[in-house]
Every structure is written in C-alpha cells, then in structure tokens.
Amino acid sequence: MLKPLADRIIVQVEETGEQQVGGIVIAQASEQKPVTGKVVAAGPGRVTDAGQTLAMTVKAGDTVLFDKFAGQAIEVDGQDYLALHEKDVIGILD
C-alpha cells in the first residue's frame, strides 16, 4: 500500500453507481462528484517552520467528508484512490 507523507491522506472514494429516478436512469457522468470516502492511510502530520510535527486529526478507518474538487486521483495495484491534504477534509462522519 502507498504510505502518504506529511499531511496527506489516501481515501477510497465511495462510489454511488447508477441511480433510477422515476424510471429514468441517471448516468454517472451527470451525477455530482462523490465527496465522502474511507481513509485507508494517513501521513504523520504537517511539519511547521519551527520543525515541529503537528499530528493528524484523521486516521485510517475514518469516513470523511471532503471538498468536491479536492485531491489527486491515483491508482495503486488496480484500485482507484484519492490523495488529499488534511486541510481539504471538512469533517469526520460518525
């Protein structure tokens, strides 16, 4: 598995799939981009100018809500993930 550095996290995005509304199938291309996912890996934290490492708030296993257009799509071992900075996370879902 990919190990992120600094304040980056690796998220497995929850896919919504096709939906039917009133008998009409909505294609994935016209749906909104997913904004939730499960954290599969997290870096050690951001390093300040003073050399201190600020611990991460999120950890592997957390389900997070993130900015719609945040992150970089990556593929590791045939699996699609999203690499984000911790600042792009809006919150942790319980």
N, C-alpha and C. Protein backbone atom coordinates (compact mmCIF):
# COMPACT_ATOMS: atom_id res chain seq x y z
N MET A 1 0.84 -1.19 0.00
CA MET A 1 0.00 0.00 0.00
C MET A 1 0.87 1.24 0.00
N LEU A 2 0.36 2.28 -0.51
CA LEU A 2 1.02 3.57 -0.57
C LEU A 2 1.02 4.24 0.80
N LYS A 3 2.17 4.73 1.25
CA LYS A 3 2.26 5.43 2.53
C LYS A 3 2.42 6.92 2.25
N PRO A 4 1.41 7.72 2.61
CA PRO A 4 1.47 9.16 2.34
C PRO A 4 2.47 9.87 3.25
N LEU A 5 2.98 10.99 2.77
CA LEU A 5 3.92 11.80 3.53
C LEU A 5 3.23 13.04 4.09
N ALA A 6 3.82 13.61 5.11
CA ALA A 6 3.38 14.87 5.74
C ALA A 6 1.89 14.84 6.08
N ASP A 7 1.13 15.82 5.58
CA ASP A 7 -0.28 15.93 5.96
C ASP A 7 -1.22 15.39 4.87
N ARG A 8 -0.75 14.43 4.13
CA ARG A 8 -1.59 13.84 3.08
C ARG A 8 -2.29 12.59 3.59
N ILE A 9 -3.47 12.33 3.02
CA ILE A 9 -4.21 11.11 3.32
C ILE A 9 -4.61 10.44 2.02
N ILE A 10 -4.79 9.14 2.06
CA ILE A 10 -5.27 8.37 0.92
C ILE A 10 -6.69 7.92 1.24
N VAL A 11 -7.62 8.25 0.35
CA VAL A 11 -9.04 7.98 0.58
C VAL A 11 -9.58 7.07 -0.51
N GLN A 12 -10.33 6.04 -0.09
CA GLN A 12 -11.06 5.21 -1.04
C GLN A 12 -12.44 5.84 -1.16
N VAL A 13 -12.74 6.40 -2.31
CA VAL A 13 -13.98 7.16 -2.52
C VAL A 13 -15.16 6.20 -2.63
N GLU A 14 -16.26 6.58 -1.98
CA GLU A 14 -17.49 5.79 -2.06
C GLU A 14 -18.15 6.06 -3.40
N GLU A 15 -18.32 5.02 -4.18
CA GLU A 15 -18.96 5.15 -5.49
C GLU A 15 -20.47 5.02 -5.33
N THR A 16 -21.22 5.86 -6.06
CA THR A 16 -22.66 5.85 -5.95
C THR A 16 -23.32 4.92 -6.97
N GLY A 17 -22.70 4.71 -8.13
CA GLY A 17 -23.27 3.86 -9.16
C GLY A 17 -24.43 4.55 -9.87
N GLU A 18 -25.13 3.78 -10.71
CA GLU A 18 -26.27 4.35 -11.43
C GLU A 18 -27.47 4.44 -10.51
N GLN A 19 -28.26 5.47 -10.69
CA GLN A 19 -29.47 5.65 -9.91
C GLN A 19 -30.64 5.78 -10.85
N GLN A 20 -31.80 5.34 -10.36
CA GLN A 20 -33.02 5.48 -11.13
C GLN A 20 -33.94 6.46 -10.42
N VAL A 21 -34.43 7.43 -11.19
CA VAL A 21 -35.37 8.40 -10.65
C VAL A 21 -36.60 8.37 -11.54
N GLY A 22 -37.71 7.92 -11.00
CA GLY A 22 -38.94 7.86 -11.77
C GLY A 22 -38.82 7.04 -13.04
N GLY A 23 -38.03 5.96 -13.00
CA GLY A 23 -37.85 5.09 -14.15
C GLY A 23 -36.79 5.56 -15.12
N ILE A 24 -36.17 6.70 -14.86
CA ILE A 24 -35.12 7.23 -15.73
C ILE A 24 -33.77 6.95 -15.07
N VAL A 25 -32.85 6.33 -15.82
CA VAL A 25 -31.53 6.02 -15.31
C VAL A 25 -30.64 7.26 -15.46
N ILE A 26 -30.02 7.68 -14.36
CA ILE A 26 -29.12 8.83 -14.38
C ILE A 26 -27.71 8.31 -14.57
N ALA A 27 -27.06 8.73 -15.64
CA ALA A 27 -25.70 8.28 -15.94
C ALA A 27 -24.73 8.84 -14.93
N GLN A 28 -23.64 8.11 -14.67
CA GLN A 28 -22.65 8.56 -13.70
C GLN A 28 -22.02 9.89 -14.09
N ALA A 29 -21.86 10.17 -15.37
CA ALA A 29 -21.22 11.40 -15.82
C ALA A 29 -22.02 12.64 -15.42
N SER A 30 -23.35 12.49 -15.31
CA SER A 30 -24.16 13.65 -14.97
C SER A 30 -24.36 13.79 -13.46
N GLU A 31 -23.92 12.81 -12.68
CA GLU A 31 -24.04 12.89 -11.24
C GLU A 31 -22.96 13.80 -10.67
N GLN A 32 -23.18 14.26 -9.46
CA GLN A 32 -22.18 15.08 -8.80
C GLN A 32 -21.02 14.19 -8.35
N LYS A 33 -19.86 14.76 -8.29
CA LYS A 33 -18.67 14.06 -7.85
C LYS A 33 -18.83 13.66 -6.38
N PRO A 34 -18.47 12.41 -6.02
CA PRO A 34 -18.60 11.99 -4.62
C PRO A 34 -17.72 12.83 -3.70
N VAL A 35 -18.20 13.04 -2.48
CA VAL A 35 -17.46 13.86 -1.53
C VAL A 35 -17.22 13.14 -0.20
N THR A 36 -17.47 11.84 -0.16
CA THR A 36 -17.18 11.07 1.05
C THR A 36 -16.33 9.87 0.69
N GLY A 37 -15.58 9.40 1.66
CA GLY A 37 -14.76 8.23 1.44
C GLY A 37 -14.13 7.75 2.73
N LYS A 38 -13.50 6.58 2.65
CA LYS A 38 -12.86 5.98 3.81
C LYS A 38 -11.35 6.18 3.72
N VAL A 39 -10.75 6.67 4.80
CA VAL A 39 -9.31 6.89 4.85
C VAL A 39 -8.63 5.52 4.98
N VAL A 40 -7.74 5.21 4.03
CA VAL A 40 -7.02 3.94 4.09
C VAL A 40 -5.59 4.12 4.59
N ALA A 41 -5.07 5.35 4.51
CA ALA A 41 -3.73 5.64 5.02
C ALA A 41 -3.61 7.13 5.29
N ALA A 42 -2.82 7.46 6.32
CA ALA A 42 -2.59 8.87 6.66
C ALA A 42 -1.12 9.08 6.98
N GLY A 43 -0.60 10.23 6.57
CA GLY A 43 0.79 10.57 6.86
C GLY A 43 0.97 10.93 8.32
N PRO A 44 2.20 11.21 8.73
CA PRO A 44 2.49 11.51 10.13
C PRO A 44 2.01 12.89 10.59
N GLY A 45 1.83 13.83 9.68
CA GLY A 45 1.37 15.17 10.04
C GLY A 45 2.21 16.24 9.38
N ARG A 46 1.74 17.47 9.48
CA ARG A 46 2.41 18.61 8.87
C ARG A 46 3.56 19.08 9.75
N VAL A 47 4.67 19.43 9.12
CA VAL A 47 5.83 19.96 9.83
C VAL A 47 5.80 21.48 9.76
N THR A 48 5.86 22.13 10.92
CA THR A 48 5.83 23.59 10.98
C THR A 48 7.20 24.17 10.61
N ASP A 49 7.25 25.47 10.45
CA ASP A 49 8.52 26.15 10.16
C ASP A 49 9.53 25.97 11.29
N ALA A 50 9.04 25.75 12.50
CA ALA A 50 9.91 25.56 13.66
C ALA A 50 10.41 24.11 13.77
N GLY A 51 9.95 23.25 12.85
CA GLY A 51 10.40 21.86 12.84
C GLY A 51 9.54 20.92 13.66
N GLN A 52 8.44 21.42 14.22
CA GLN A 52 7.51 20.58 14.98
C GLN A 52 6.57 19.85 14.05
N THR A 53 6.25 18.60 14.35
CA THR A 53 5.27 17.85 13.57
C THR A 53 3.92 17.94 14.27
N LEU A 54 2.92 18.48 13.56
CA LEU A 54 1.56 18.56 14.09
C LEU A 54 0.84 17.27 13.71
N ALA A 55 0.36 16.55 14.71
CA ALA A 55 -0.29 15.26 14.49
C ALA A 55 -1.55 15.41 13.63
N MET A 56 -1.85 14.36 12.89
CA MET A 56 -3.04 14.34 12.03
C MET A 56 -4.30 14.17 12.89
N THR A 57 -5.38 14.78 12.45
CA THR A 57 -6.68 14.63 13.11
C THR A 57 -7.37 13.36 12.62
N VAL A 58 -7.21 13.06 11.33
CA VAL A 58 -7.85 11.87 10.76
C VAL A 58 -6.88 10.69 10.82
N LYS A 59 -7.46 9.48 10.81
CA LYS A 59 -6.64 8.27 10.84
C LYS A 59 -7.27 7.23 9.92
N ALA A 60 -6.53 6.20 9.63
CA ALA A 60 -7.04 5.11 8.79
C ALA A 60 -8.30 4.54 9.42
N GLY A 61 -9.30 4.31 8.57
CA GLY A 61 -10.57 3.77 9.04
C GLY A 61 -11.66 4.82 9.19
N ASP A 62 -11.29 6.10 9.28
CA ASP A 62 -12.28 7.17 9.39
C ASP A 62 -13.01 7.36 8.06
N THR A 63 -14.29 7.67 8.13
CA THR A 63 -15.05 8.07 6.95
C THR A 63 -15.13 9.59 6.98
N VAL A 64 -14.65 10.20 5.89
CA VAL A 64 -14.52 11.66 5.87
C VAL A 64 -15.36 12.30 4.78
N LEU A 65 -15.69 13.55 5.01
CA LEU A 65 -16.35 14.41 4.04
C LEU A 65 -15.30 15.41 3.58
N PHE A 66 -15.12 15.55 2.27
CA PHE A 66 -14.06 16.43 1.76
C PHE A 66 -14.58 17.35 0.67
N ASP A 67 -13.80 18.38 0.35
CA ASP A 67 -14.16 19.34 -0.70
C ASP A 67 -14.38 18.62 -2.02
N LYS A 68 -15.37 19.07 -2.77
CA LYS A 68 -15.78 18.40 -4.00
C LYS A 68 -14.67 18.25 -5.04
N PHE A 69 -13.86 19.26 -5.24
CA PHE A 69 -12.84 19.19 -6.29
C PHE A 69 -11.43 19.07 -5.72
N ALA A 70 -11.31 18.56 -4.51
CA ALA A 70 -10.01 18.43 -3.85
C ALA A 70 -9.31 17.14 -4.26
N GLY A 71 -8.01 17.15 -4.11
CA GLY A 71 -7.22 15.92 -4.25
C GLY A 71 -6.78 15.57 -5.65
N GLN A 72 -6.01 14.50 -5.69
CA GLN A 72 -5.46 13.97 -6.93
C GLN A 72 -5.86 12.51 -7.04
N ALA A 73 -6.51 12.14 -8.14
CA ALA A 73 -6.89 10.74 -8.35
C ALA A 73 -5.63 9.93 -8.65
N ILE A 74 -5.50 8.79 -7.98
CA ILE A 74 -4.36 7.90 -8.20
C ILE A 74 -4.85 6.47 -8.28
N GLU A 75 -4.04 5.61 -8.88
CA GLU A 75 -4.35 4.19 -8.97
C GLU A 75 -3.17 3.41 -8.40
N VAL A 76 -3.46 2.52 -7.45
CA VAL A 76 -2.43 1.69 -6.84
C VAL A 76 -2.92 0.25 -6.87
N ASP A 77 -2.14 -0.63 -7.48
CA ASP A 77 -2.49 -2.05 -7.59
C ASP A 77 -3.89 -2.25 -8.18
N GLY A 78 -4.24 -1.46 -9.18
CA GLY A 78 -5.53 -1.60 -9.86
C GLY A 78 -6.70 -1.01 -9.11
N GLN A 79 -6.47 -0.38 -7.97
CA GLN A 79 -7.53 0.22 -7.16
C GLN A 79 -7.44 1.74 -7.26
N ASP A 80 -8.57 2.42 -7.40
CA ASP A 80 -8.59 3.88 -7.50
C ASP A 80 -8.72 4.51 -6.12
N TYR A 81 -7.91 5.54 -5.88
CA TYR A 81 -7.91 6.27 -4.62
C TYR A 81 -7.84 7.76 -4.91
N LEU A 82 -7.97 8.55 -3.88
CA LEU A 82 -7.82 9.99 -3.96
C LEU A 82 -6.81 10.40 -2.90
N ALA A 83 -5.79 11.16 -3.30
CA ALA A 83 -4.79 11.68 -2.37
C ALA A 83 -5.17 13.12 -2.03
N LEU A 84 -5.36 13.39 -0.73
CA LEU A 84 -5.79 14.70 -0.27
C LEU A 84 -4.85 15.25 0.79
N HIS A 85 -4.85 16.56 0.94
CA HIS A 85 -4.23 17.18 2.10
C HIS A 85 -5.28 17.16 3.21
N GLU A 86 -4.83 17.09 4.45
CA GLU A 86 -5.78 17.08 5.57
C GLU A 86 -6.65 18.34 5.57
N LYS A 87 -6.12 19.46 5.10
CA LYS A 87 -6.90 20.72 5.08
C LYS A 87 -8.11 20.64 4.16
N ASP A 88 -8.12 19.68 3.21
CA ASP A 88 -9.25 19.51 2.29
C ASP A 88 -10.40 18.72 2.91
N VAL A 89 -10.17 18.16 4.09
CA VAL A 89 -11.21 17.39 4.78
C VAL A 89 -12.09 18.36 5.56
N ILE A 90 -13.39 18.26 5.32
CA ILE A 90 -14.36 19.12 6.00
C ILE A 90 -14.68 18.57 7.39
N GLY A 91 -14.81 17.23 7.47
CA GLY A 91 -15.16 16.64 8.75
C GLY A 91 -15.10 15.12 8.70
N ILE A 92 -15.21 14.52 9.88
CA ILE A 92 -15.22 13.06 10.02
C ILE A 92 -16.66 12.65 10.31
N LEU A 93 -17.17 11.69 9.55
CA LEU A 93 -18.54 11.22 9.73
C LEU A 93 -18.56 10.10 10.77
N ASP A 94 -19.52 10.17 11.70
CA ASP A 94 -19.65 9.11 12.72
C ASP A 94 -20.54 8.01 12.24
